[in-house]
Amino acid sequence: MTQQSVVAQQEWSGREELAEAMVPLIGRLYRHNNVVTSIYGRKLINQSAIDIIKAHRVVRRIDGEELPLASTMPILEALESLNVGALSVDLGRLNKKFVESGSADLTEFLRGELGEKVGQAGAAEADPQDVVLYGFGRIGRLLARILIERGGYGLNLRAIVVRKGAENDLVKRASLLRRDSVHGRFEGSITVDEENNTIQANGTLIQVIYSNDPASVDYTAYGINNAIVVDNTGKWRDEAGLSQHLEAKGVSRVLLTAPGKGDLKNIVHGINDSWIGEDDKIITAASCTTNAITPVLKALNDKFGVTHGHVETVHSFTNDQNLIDNFHKGERRGRSAALNMVITETGAAKAVAKALPEFAGKLTGNAIRVPTPDVSMAILNLNLENETTKEELNAYLRETSLTSNLHKQIDFTDSPEVVSTDFVGSRRAGIVDGLATIVSGKNAVVYVWYDNEFGYSCQVVRVIETMAGTHPVAVPALQQAAAV
């Protein structure tokens, strides 16, 4: 082995050792202080030492150089010593701000950034909110995974409600939660109690309730009160149908994981979640496509102005389609999803205006369903008010994804090798593919990838947090997207 190889191995071992030391510290901050840590939006909770090293390496694409673990470890240690309360701390942004401040005293710098949160260890922003999943399909199970991952902090997954499909229904439901052909195995332990109809996953006890009627369920019989019911069945889309949930004992509010009909508020988190009022008993989280494109459209409209545009979505097939040719009430959707590209309609273009009224009448849209199980793409063909270049537009969206208040919604990549499967499990609503961007004067074509299952589910959880008032304060504070 050469001297260079020895040095490289020693350097890697040192980084690995430091990352291993970070793991329990990150865990203690989360479990004892309600502090969620991340690096430029990439969460560190429940991550391996290798994942932590990778999160630090990603920063080289952001700040031009890799973030040293030796810079973030002192921040973690200081956060613990200061006994901080519930926070969402981005170590990458916080370290950058500390360096730019020129301060020589990290602890005093953090005191200034954290303010009244110092000494508030264990204090939550609000009482934990009971959450019920009505339905346990693709989105329902991913919502369960995310809520279980959180360990009950802020949001408590208390029950799922389904129609009984077989004598061994509970075992089958647990198995679908444990294994997923797209998203992989569940990270943790799952046990089933058939006598009491419960599933316990990583310490979260979930009551399984069998019912065909939303109004007849008595949640209080299971100790569930003031619950937010998340209807992920798609069976009811209007106020009249969803109001059935409010007739059940123990329910206070309802969230639909689909576009709503009528006057229901369609919420895209990061865009119009401020519209959610305490008196809103029923709201919707719009669609996966609407969540993917609306943040990018807002950012572009704020900077360049959008006069008109067309949205073409290349969307993975869904359970609404047939595996092989069979009758379907929708046009073309009866043809085999596994064998065909299928032109179909999408309401996402019109739905954007429900979250961003300034886009009313500005967008048209269409969709093509393709034979992939997850991850879709939206192609935004836009006419702008102001001329720009590919370089300027990409630089703006990249910066927006990093430093604006839309950083949880928008991601950016300029890799020449990425394909759809690389975005399975993305927690962002949409990822701009910078290399695919086309700009000619006032015309721009922007390509946005999105995990139409997991990325959307993350957006849904953010809406639940807003409804419950349990989302922790972000440190450091982020600027508005329009100001980027």
Protein backbone atom coordinates (compact mmCIF):
# COMPACT_ATOMS: atom_id res chain seq x y z
CA MET A 1 0.00 0.00 0.00
CA THR A 2 1.39 3.41 -0.96
CA GLN A 3 1.83 6.24 1.50
CA GLN A 4 -0.93 8.11 -0.31
CA SER A 5 -3.30 5.17 0.16
CA VAL A 6 -2.44 4.97 3.86
CA VAL A 7 -3.16 8.68 4.33
CA ALA A 8 -6.46 8.39 2.44
CA GLN A 9 -7.54 5.43 4.58
CA GLN A 10 -6.60 7.18 7.81
CA GLU A 11 -8.42 10.33 6.73
CA TRP A 12 -11.55 8.32 5.91
CA SER A 13 -11.38 6.42 9.22
CA GLY A 14 -11.17 9.71 11.09
CA ARG A 15 -14.25 11.07 9.34
CA GLU A 16 -16.13 7.83 9.92
CA GLU A 17 -15.26 7.88 13.62
CA LEU A 18 -16.47 11.48 13.95
CA ALA A 19 -19.71 10.67 12.10
CA GLU A 20 -20.26 7.68 14.41
CA ALA A 21 -19.88 10.01 17.39
CA MET A 22 -22.49 12.31 15.88
CA VAL A 23 -25.18 9.61 15.64
CA PRO A 24 -26.04 9.39 19.39
CA LEU A 25 -25.75 13.17 19.76
CA ILE A 26 -28.22 13.76 16.93
CA GLY A 27 -30.51 11.17 18.52
CA ARG A 28 -30.38 12.76 21.98
CA LEU A 29 -31.12 16.21 20.59
CA TYR A 30 -34.15 14.80 18.80
CA ARG A 31 -35.54 12.67 21.63
CA HIS A 32 -34.71 14.89 24.61
CA ASN A 33 -34.88 18.37 23.07
CA ASN A 34 -37.26 17.96 20.10
CA VAL A 35 -34.50 19.28 17.83
CA VAL A 36 -34.57 18.15 14.19
CA THR A 37 -31.14 18.48 12.55
CA SER A 38 -30.38 18.63 8.83
CA ILE A 39 -27.79 19.83 6.33
CA TYR A 40 -29.29 21.94 3.56
CA GLY A 41 -32.62 20.15 3.96
CA ARG A 42 -31.17 16.63 4.25
CA LYS A 43 -32.27 15.27 7.60
CA LEU A 44 -29.73 13.59 9.86
CA ILE A 45 -32.15 11.83 12.23
CA ASN A 46 -31.99 8.02 12.08
CA GLN A 47 -29.18 8.17 9.52
CA SER A 48 -26.05 6.02 9.48
CA ALA A 49 -22.53 7.38 9.82
CA ILE A 50 -22.06 6.96 6.06
CA ASP A 51 -25.28 8.90 5.37
CA ILE A 52 -24.02 11.72 7.59
CA ILE A 53 -20.71 11.84 5.71
CA LYS A 54 -22.60 11.93 2.39
CA ALA A 55 -24.78 14.80 3.63
CA HIS A 56 -21.63 16.78 4.42
CA ARG A 57 -20.15 15.96 0.99
CA VAL A 58 -23.22 17.25 -0.85
CA VAL A 59 -22.41 20.75 0.41
CA ARG A 60 -19.56 20.97 -2.11
CA ARG A 61 -22.21 21.42 -4.81
CA ILE A 62 -23.70 24.27 -2.80
CA ASP A 63 -20.89 26.22 -1.17
CA GLY A 64 -18.11 25.04 -3.49
CA GLU A 65 -16.41 22.85 -0.91
CA GLU A 66 -17.25 19.95 1.34
CA LEU A 67 -18.56 20.77 4.81
CA PRO A 68 -16.09 19.41 7.39
CA LEU A 69 -17.61 17.26 10.11
CA ALA A 70 -15.23 19.06 12.45
CA SER A 71 -17.30 22.21 11.82
CA THR A 72 -20.71 20.73 12.59
CA MET A 73 -19.75 18.57 15.58
CA PRO A 74 -19.09 21.63 17.82
CA ILE A 75 -22.51 23.03 16.82
CA LEU A 76 -24.23 19.80 17.87
CA GLU A 77 -22.33 19.77 21.18
CA ALA A 78 -23.21 23.43 21.82
CA LEU A 79 -26.90 22.83 21.06
CA GLU A 80 -26.95 20.08 23.66
CA SER A 81 -25.07 22.10 26.27
CA LEU A 82 -27.44 25.04 25.78
CA ASN A 83 -30.46 22.79 26.46
CA VAL A 84 -32.33 24.23 23.49
CA GLY A 85 -36.03 23.62 22.94
CA ALA A 86 -37.97 22.46 19.89
CA LEU A 87 -36.18 23.61 16.74
CA SER A 88 -35.47 22.65 13.15
CA VAL A 89 -31.75 23.33 12.79
CA ASP A 90 -29.94 23.33 9.46
CA LEU A 91 -26.30 22.76 10.39
CA GLY A 92 -25.04 23.67 6.93
CA ARG A 93 -26.74 27.05 6.83
CA LEU A 94 -25.98 27.73 10.48
CA ASN A 95 -22.27 27.00 10.03
CA LYS A 96 -22.14 29.22 6.95
CA LYS A 97 -23.76 32.06 8.85
CA PHE A 98 -21.35 31.60 11.76
CA VAL A 99 -18.33 31.73 9.45
CA GLU A 100 -19.65 34.81 7.67
CA SER A 101 -20.36 36.53 10.99
CA GLY A 102 -16.66 36.55 11.85
CA SER A 103 -17.49 35.59 15.42
CA ALA A 104 -14.87 33.70 17.39
CA ASP A 105 -17.31 32.45 20.05
CA LEU A 106 -19.67 29.76 18.73
CA THR A 107 -21.70 29.54 21.93
CA GLU A 108 -22.42 33.26 22.04
CA PHE A 109 -23.27 33.23 18.34
CA LEU A 110 -25.75 30.42 18.94
CA ARG A 111 -27.29 32.22 21.88
CA GLY A 112 -28.03 35.12 19.57
CA GLU A 113 -29.51 32.86 16.90
CA LEU A 114 -31.57 30.70 19.26
CA GLY A 115 -32.91 33.43 21.54
CA GLU A 116 -35.63 32.25 23.89
CA LYS A 117 -35.14 28.62 22.83
CA VAL A 118 -32.04 28.39 25.01
CA GLY A 119 -32.79 26.41 28.16
CA GLN A 120 -36.10 25.07 26.85
CA ALA A 121 -35.05 21.43 26.40
CA GLY A 122 -37.97 19.06 25.86
CA ALA A 123 -40.51 21.83 25.39
CA ALA A 124 -42.74 21.26 22.35
CA GLU A 125 -44.37 23.99 20.29
CA ALA A 126 -47.80 22.53 21.09
CA ASP A 127 -49.45 19.46 22.57
CA PRO A 128 -49.05 16.38 20.36
CA GLN A 129 -51.82 16.04 17.78
CA ASP A 130 -53.70 12.77 17.29
CA VAL A 131 -53.74 11.71 13.63
CA VAL A 132 -55.94 9.08 11.99
CA LEU A 133 -55.34 7.69 8.51
CA TYR A 134 -58.61 6.89 6.78
CA GLY A 135 -57.42 4.47 4.12
CA PHE A 136 -54.13 2.61 3.90
CA GLY A 137 -53.13 2.57 0.24
CA ARG A 138 -49.99 3.92 -1.45
CA ILE A 139 -50.14 7.36 0.17
CA GLY A 140 -51.58 6.11 3.46
CA ARG A 141 -48.72 3.69 4.06
CA LEU A 142 -46.08 6.28 3.19
CA LEU A 143 -47.73 8.77 5.54
CA ALA A 144 -47.56 6.08 8.21
CA ARG A 145 -43.84 5.54 7.58
CA ILE A 146 -43.11 9.26 7.89
CA LEU A 147 -45.21 9.68 11.04
CA ILE A 148 -43.65 6.60 12.64
CA GLU A 149 -40.19 7.89 11.73
CA ARG A 150 -40.96 11.02 13.74
CA GLY A 151 -41.53 8.90 16.84
CA GLY A 152 -44.67 10.77 17.92
CA TYR A 153 -43.02 14.18 18.23
CA GLY A 154 -45.74 16.70 17.46
CA LEU A 155 -47.96 14.26 15.55
CA ASN A 156 -49.19 10.97 17.01
CA LEU A 157 -50.39 8.35 14.53
CA ARG A 158 -53.13 6.71 16.55
CA ALA A 159 -55.21 4.70 14.09
CA ILE A 160 -55.90 3.63 10.56
CA VAL A 161 -59.39 2.93 9.26
CA VAL A 162 -59.97 0.39 6.48
CA ARG A 163 -62.58 -1.99 5.14
CA LYS A 164 -61.85 -5.58 6.13
CA GLY A 165 -60.66 -7.47 3.09
CA ALA A 166 -59.84 -10.91 4.48
CA GLU A 167 -59.69 -12.97 7.67
CA ASN A 168 -55.96 -12.30 7.92
CA ASP A 169 -56.46 -8.64 7.00
CA LEU A 170 -54.34 -7.25 9.84
CA VAL A 171 -51.33 -9.41 8.97
CA LYS A 172 -51.58 -8.39 5.32
CA ARG A 173 -51.80 -4.68 6.20
CA ALA A 174 -48.73 -4.99 8.41
CA SER A 175 -46.87 -6.84 5.67
CA LEU A 176 -47.61 -4.05 3.16
CA LEU A 177 -46.25 -1.55 5.66
CA ARG A 178 -43.16 -3.70 6.25
CA ARG A 179 -42.27 -4.26 2.57
CA ASP A 180 -42.68 -2.00 -0.45
CA SER A 181 -41.59 -2.83 -3.99
CA VAL A 182 -40.75 0.81 -4.73
CA HIS A 183 -39.63 2.31 -1.42
CA GLY A 184 -37.98 -0.74 0.11
CA ARG A 185 -38.24 -2.29 3.55
CA PHE A 186 -39.54 -0.44 6.56
CA GLU A 187 -36.67 0.75 8.75
CA GLY A 188 -37.44 -0.84 12.08
CA SER A 189 -39.57 -3.40 13.85
CA ILE A 190 -43.26 -4.20 13.30
CA THR A 191 -45.37 -6.49 15.48
CA VAL A 192 -49.04 -7.45 15.12
CA ASP A 193 -51.62 -8.04 17.87
CA GLU A 194 -54.57 -9.72 16.13
CA GLU A 195 -56.58 -10.00 19.34
CA ASN A 196 -56.60 -6.23 19.88
CA ASN A 197 -56.35 -5.25 16.19
CA THR A 198 -53.16 -3.23 16.64
CA ILE A 199 -49.89 -2.79 14.79
CA GLN A 200 -46.87 -1.64 16.74
CA ALA A 201 -44.13 -0.07 14.63
CA ASN A 202 -40.96 1.26 16.29
CA GLY A 203 -42.90 1.91 19.49
CA THR A 204 -45.88 3.57 17.77
CA LEU A 205 -49.08 1.69 18.68
CA ILE A 206 -51.57 1.94 15.83
CA GLN A 207 -55.17 0.89 16.28
CA VAL A 208 -56.67 -0.71 13.18
CA ILE A 209 -60.37 0.08 12.91
CA TYR A 210 -62.64 -1.65 10.42
CA SER A 211 -65.48 0.46 9.08
CA ASN A 212 -67.40 1.21 5.89
CA ASP A 213 -68.94 4.40 7.26
CA PRO A 214 -66.82 7.41 8.30
CA ALA A 215 -69.57 8.90 10.46
CA SER A 216 -70.11 5.80 12.60
CA VAL A 217 -66.60 5.41 14.02
CA ASP A 218 -66.22 6.26 17.71
CA TYR A 219 -62.57 7.23 18.04
CA THR A 220 -63.00 8.22 21.69
CA ALA A 221 -63.50 4.54 22.49
CA TYR A 222 -59.80 4.13 21.66
CA GLY A 223 -58.71 7.20 23.62
CA ILE A 224 -58.44 9.31 20.46
CA ASN A 225 -59.64 12.89 20.78
CA ASN A 226 -59.57 16.06 18.69
CA ALA A 227 -58.03 14.07 15.85
CA ILE A 228 -57.11 15.17 12.36
CA VAL A 229 -58.45 12.55 9.97
CA VAL A 230 -56.37 12.23 6.80
CA ASP A 231 -58.63 10.78 4.10
CA ASN A 232 -56.38 9.13 1.55
CA THR A 233 -59.07 7.01 -0.11
CA GLY A 234 -60.06 9.61 -2.71
CA LYS A 235 -63.64 8.36 -2.41
CA TRP A 236 -65.00 11.71 -1.24
CA ARG A 237 -63.69 14.93 -2.74
CA ASP A 238 -66.30 17.53 -1.79
CA GLU A 239 -67.38 19.13 1.47
CA ALA A 240 -70.56 17.07 1.78
CA GLY A 241 -68.75 13.74 1.50
CA LEU A 242 -65.80 14.67 3.69
CA SER A 243 -68.08 16.16 6.36
CA GLN A 244 -69.04 12.61 7.26
CA HIS A 245 -65.74 12.35 9.14
CA LEU A 246 -66.71 15.29 11.35
CA GLU A 247 -69.78 13.39 12.53
CA ALA A 248 -67.55 10.75 14.12
CA LYS A 249 -66.75 11.11 17.82
CA GLY A 250 -63.20 12.33 18.48
CA VAL A 251 -62.63 14.12 15.14
CA SER A 252 -61.94 17.85 14.88
CA ARG A 253 -60.63 18.36 11.33
CA VAL A 254 -60.21 16.58 8.00
CA LEU A 255 -57.44 16.66 5.39
CA LEU A 256 -57.92 15.18 1.92
CA THR A 257 -54.87 13.84 0.05
CA ALA A 258 -56.25 14.79 -3.36
CA PRO A 259 -57.57 17.91 -5.10
CA GLY A 260 -60.82 19.04 -3.53
CA LYS A 261 -63.96 20.08 -5.33
CA GLY A 262 -66.03 23.18 -4.79
CA ASP A 263 -64.83 25.87 -2.42
CA LEU A 264 -62.51 23.68 -0.35
CA LYS A 265 -59.06 25.22 0.16
CA ASN A 266 -56.39 23.40 -1.86
CA ILE A 267 -53.16 23.83 0.08
CA VAL A 268 -49.66 23.52 -1.36
CA HIS A 269 -47.33 23.78 1.60
CA GLY A 270 -44.78 26.54 1.22
CA ILE A 271 -47.15 28.48 -1.04
CA ASN A 272 -50.49 29.09 0.65
CA ASP A 273 -50.38 27.19 3.94
CA SER A 274 -50.88 30.57 5.63
CA TRP A 275 -54.48 30.35 4.37
CA ILE A 276 -55.20 27.58 6.88
CA GLY A 277 -57.34 29.04 9.64
CA GLU A 278 -58.50 27.55 12.92
CA ASP A 279 -62.07 27.57 11.60
CA ASP A 280 -61.19 25.47 8.54
CA LYS A 281 -62.57 22.04 9.33
CA ILE A 282 -61.89 20.50 5.91
CA ILE A 283 -58.97 21.29 3.61
CA THR A 284 -57.14 19.44 0.87
CA ALA A 285 -53.47 18.91 0.05
CA ALA A 286 -54.06 19.23 -3.73
CA SER A 287 -52.33 16.73 -6.03
CA CYS A 288 -48.76 15.46 -6.33
CA THR A 289 -48.32 17.32 -9.62
CA THR A 290 -49.75 20.58 -8.28
CA ASN A 291 -47.38 20.34 -5.32
CA ALA A 292 -44.42 19.70 -7.63
CA ILE A 293 -44.97 22.57 -10.07
CA THR A 294 -46.56 25.36 -8.01
CA PRO A 295 -43.42 26.25 -5.98
CA VAL A 296 -41.28 26.39 -9.14
CA LEU A 297 -43.92 28.46 -10.94
CA LYS A 298 -44.13 30.89 -8.03
CA ALA A 299 -40.37 31.31 -7.92
CA LEU A 300 -40.17 31.95 -11.68
CA ASN A 301 -43.13 34.32 -11.63
CA ASP A 302 -41.63 36.32 -8.77
CA LYS A 303 -38.35 36.77 -10.63
CA PHE A 304 -39.18 36.85 -14.33
CA GLY A 305 -42.98 37.06 -14.56
CA VAL A 306 -45.00 34.34 -16.31
CA THR A 307 -47.53 35.46 -18.94
CA HIS A 308 -48.65 32.03 -20.13
CA GLY A 309 -47.52 28.43 -20.05
CA HIS A 310 -48.24 24.79 -20.78
CA VAL A 311 -47.60 21.96 -18.33
CA GLU A 312 -47.01 18.46 -19.69
CA THR A 313 -46.69 15.77 -17.05
CA VAL A 314 -45.00 12.46 -17.74
CA HIS A 315 -46.54 10.51 -14.89
CA SER A 316 -45.95 7.02 -13.53
CA PHE A 317 -48.95 4.72 -13.69
CA THR A 318 -51.25 4.47 -10.68
CA ASN A 319 -53.73 1.96 -9.26
CA ASP A 320 -56.48 3.82 -11.07
CA GLN A 321 -55.30 2.22 -14.32
CA ASN A 322 -55.62 -1.38 -15.47
CA LEU A 323 -52.69 -3.81 -15.57
CA ILE A 324 -54.07 -5.28 -18.80
CA ASP A 325 -56.75 -3.99 -21.14
CA ASN A 326 -60.15 -3.88 -19.45
CA PHE A 327 -63.13 -1.60 -19.05
CA HIS A 328 -62.47 1.79 -17.44
CA LYS A 329 -64.86 4.71 -17.24
CA GLY A 330 -62.06 7.11 -18.19
CA GLU A 331 -60.85 7.53 -21.75
CA ARG A 332 -57.73 5.46 -22.59
CA ARG A 333 -57.15 4.50 -18.95
CA GLY A 334 -58.59 1.07 -19.60
CA ARG A 335 -55.57 0.16 -21.72
CA SER A 336 -52.69 -1.70 -20.09
CA ALA A 337 -50.66 0.59 -17.84
CA ALA A 338 -47.68 -1.76 -17.95
CA LEU A 339 -47.48 -1.83 -21.76
CA ASN A 340 -48.48 1.62 -22.94
CA MET A 341 -47.88 5.32 -22.75
CA VAL A 342 -51.36 6.69 -22.15
CA ILE A 343 -52.46 10.23 -22.93
CA THR A 344 -54.88 11.44 -20.28
CA GLU A 345 -56.08 14.61 -18.64
CA THR A 346 -54.66 16.45 -15.65
CA GLY A 347 -56.27 19.15 -13.60
CA ALA A 348 -52.93 20.28 -12.18
CA ALA A 349 -52.55 23.30 -14.48
CA LYS A 350 -55.91 24.76 -13.43
CA ALA A 351 -55.35 23.70 -9.83
CA VAL A 352 -52.24 25.89 -9.57
CA ALA A 353 -54.53 28.94 -9.55
CA LYS A 354 -56.29 27.63 -6.43
CA ALA A 355 -53.01 28.09 -4.56
CA LEU A 356 -51.62 30.97 -6.66
CA PRO A 357 -54.54 33.11 -7.88
CA GLU A 358 -52.20 35.16 -10.13
CA PHE A 359 -51.98 32.11 -12.41
CA ALA A 360 -55.71 32.01 -13.14
CA GLY A 361 -56.17 31.45 -16.88
CA LYS A 362 -52.43 31.37 -17.57
CA LEU A 363 -51.78 27.63 -17.78
CA THR A 364 -52.90 24.70 -19.90
CA GLY A 365 -52.01 21.11 -19.16
CA ASN A 366 -52.00 17.51 -20.31
CA ALA A 367 -50.57 14.24 -19.05
CA ILE A 368 -48.95 11.08 -20.32
CA ARG A 369 -49.00 8.01 -18.09
CA VAL A 370 -45.92 5.83 -18.60
CA PRO A 371 -44.94 2.27 -17.52
CA THR A 372 -42.91 3.17 -14.41
CA PRO A 373 -44.20 2.65 -10.85
CA ASP A 374 -43.01 5.92 -9.27
CA VAL A 375 -41.34 9.28 -9.96
CA SER A 376 -42.84 11.57 -12.56
CA MET A 377 -41.75 14.64 -14.50
CA ALA A 378 -43.45 17.94 -15.26
CA ILE A 379 -42.30 19.91 -18.28
CA LEU A 380 -43.06 23.63 -17.90
CA ASN A 381 -43.12 25.50 -21.22
CA LEU A 382 -43.39 29.13 -20.15
CA ASN A 383 -43.65 32.55 -21.74
CA LEU A 384 -41.92 35.09 -19.50
CA GLU A 385 -42.35 38.84 -19.11
CA ASN A 386 -38.60 39.40 -18.96
CA GLU A 387 -35.82 37.93 -21.05
CA THR A 388 -33.28 35.73 -19.33
CA THR A 389 -30.66 33.09 -20.03
CA LYS A 390 -30.33 29.44 -19.09
CA GLU A 391 -27.47 30.31 -16.75
CA GLU A 392 -29.38 33.08 -14.96
CA LEU A 393 -32.58 31.08 -14.61
CA ASN A 394 -30.76 27.98 -13.30
CA ALA A 395 -28.65 30.01 -10.88
CA TYR A 396 -31.82 31.59 -9.50
CA LEU A 397 -33.67 28.29 -9.04
CA ARG A 398 -30.59 26.69 -7.51
CA GLU A 399 -30.27 29.51 -4.99
CA THR A 400 -34.01 29.38 -4.31
CA SER A 401 -33.71 25.67 -3.49
CA LEU A 402 -30.96 26.41 -0.97
CA THR A 403 -31.67 29.67 0.81
CA SER A 404 -35.33 30.61 0.32
CA ASN A 405 -38.43 29.64 2.28
CA LEU A 406 -39.20 27.20 -0.56
CA HIS A 407 -36.15 25.03 0.19
CA LYS A 408 -38.36 22.17 1.43
CA GLN A 409 -40.38 22.26 -1.76
CA ILE A 410 -37.74 22.83 -4.46
CA ASP A 411 -34.54 20.88 -5.05
CA PHE A 412 -32.05 21.33 -7.89
CA THR A 413 -29.74 18.97 -9.73
CA ASP A 414 -27.29 19.45 -12.56
CA SER A 415 -25.98 15.90 -12.80
CA PRO A 416 -25.66 14.59 -16.38
CA GLU A 417 -26.47 11.01 -15.33
CA VAL A 418 -29.65 11.21 -13.20
CA VAL A 419 -32.75 9.25 -14.18
CA SER A 420 -36.14 8.79 -12.56
CA THR A 421 -35.19 6.10 -10.01
CA ASP A 422 -32.58 8.44 -8.53
CA PHE A 423 -35.42 10.51 -7.08
CA VAL A 424 -37.32 7.72 -5.34
CA GLY A 425 -37.63 8.81 -1.72
CA SER A 426 -36.99 12.51 -2.34
CA ARG A 427 -38.57 14.63 0.38
CA ARG A 428 -38.91 17.68 -1.86
CA ALA A 429 -42.08 18.41 -3.80
CA GLY A 430 -40.08 18.81 -7.03
CA ILE A 431 -36.50 18.70 -8.30
CA VAL A 432 -35.43 21.03 -11.11
CA ASP A 433 -33.18 19.32 -13.68
CA GLY A 434 -30.87 22.20 -14.56
CA LEU A 435 -29.10 20.51 -17.46
CA ALA A 436 -32.43 20.03 -19.25
CA THR A 437 -33.44 23.71 -18.97
CA ILE A 438 -33.97 25.49 -22.29
CA VAL A 439 -34.15 29.29 -22.51
CA SER A 440 -34.58 31.47 -25.56
CA GLY A 441 -35.27 35.11 -24.72
CA LYS A 442 -38.68 35.19 -23.08
CA ASN A 443 -39.38 31.48 -23.54
CA ALA A 444 -38.23 28.93 -20.98
CA VAL A 445 -38.70 25.17 -20.73
CA VAL A 446 -38.06 23.83 -17.23
CA TYR A 447 -38.04 20.12 -16.32
CA VAL A 448 -39.16 19.16 -12.81
CA TRP A 449 -38.81 15.62 -11.42
CA TYR A 450 -41.01 14.57 -8.50
CA ASP A 451 -41.59 11.48 -6.43
CA ASN A 452 -45.34 11.49 -6.84
CA GLU A 453 -45.69 9.19 -3.83
CA PHE A 454 -43.10 9.98 -1.16
CA GLY A 455 -42.37 13.61 -2.03
CA TYR A 456 -46.09 14.33 -2.05
CA SER A 457 -46.56 12.49 1.26
CA CYS A 458 -43.90 14.74 2.83
CA GLN A 459 -45.91 17.76 1.67
CA VAL A 460 -49.05 16.26 3.23
CA VAL A 461 -47.28 15.84 6.57
CA ARG A 462 -46.17 19.49 6.43
CA VAL A 463 -49.82 20.49 5.98
CA ILE A 464 -50.81 18.33 8.97
CA GLU A 465 -48.11 20.06 11.04
CA THR A 466 -49.48 23.46 10.05
CA MET A 467 -53.04 22.43 10.92
CA ALA A 468 -51.83 21.16 14.29
CA GLY A 469 -49.45 24.06 14.94
CA THR A 470 -46.61 21.66 15.75
CA HIS A 471 -43.96 22.63 13.22
CA PRO A 472 -40.75 23.71 15.02
CA VAL A 473 -39.08 27.08 14.42
CA ALA A 474 -36.41 26.95 11.69
CA VAL A 475 -32.84 28.09 12.47
CA PRO A 476 -31.39 30.00 10.79
CA ALA A 477 -34.43 31.88 9.48
CA LEU A 478 -34.96 31.78 5.73
CA GLN A 479 -35.71 34.60 3.32
CA GLN A 480 -38.77 34.83 1.10
CA ALA A 481 -38.33 33.23 -2.32
CA ALA A 482 -39.14 36.50 -4.10
CA ALA A 483 -36.19 38.20 -2.44
CA VAL A 484 -33.61 35.73 -3.75
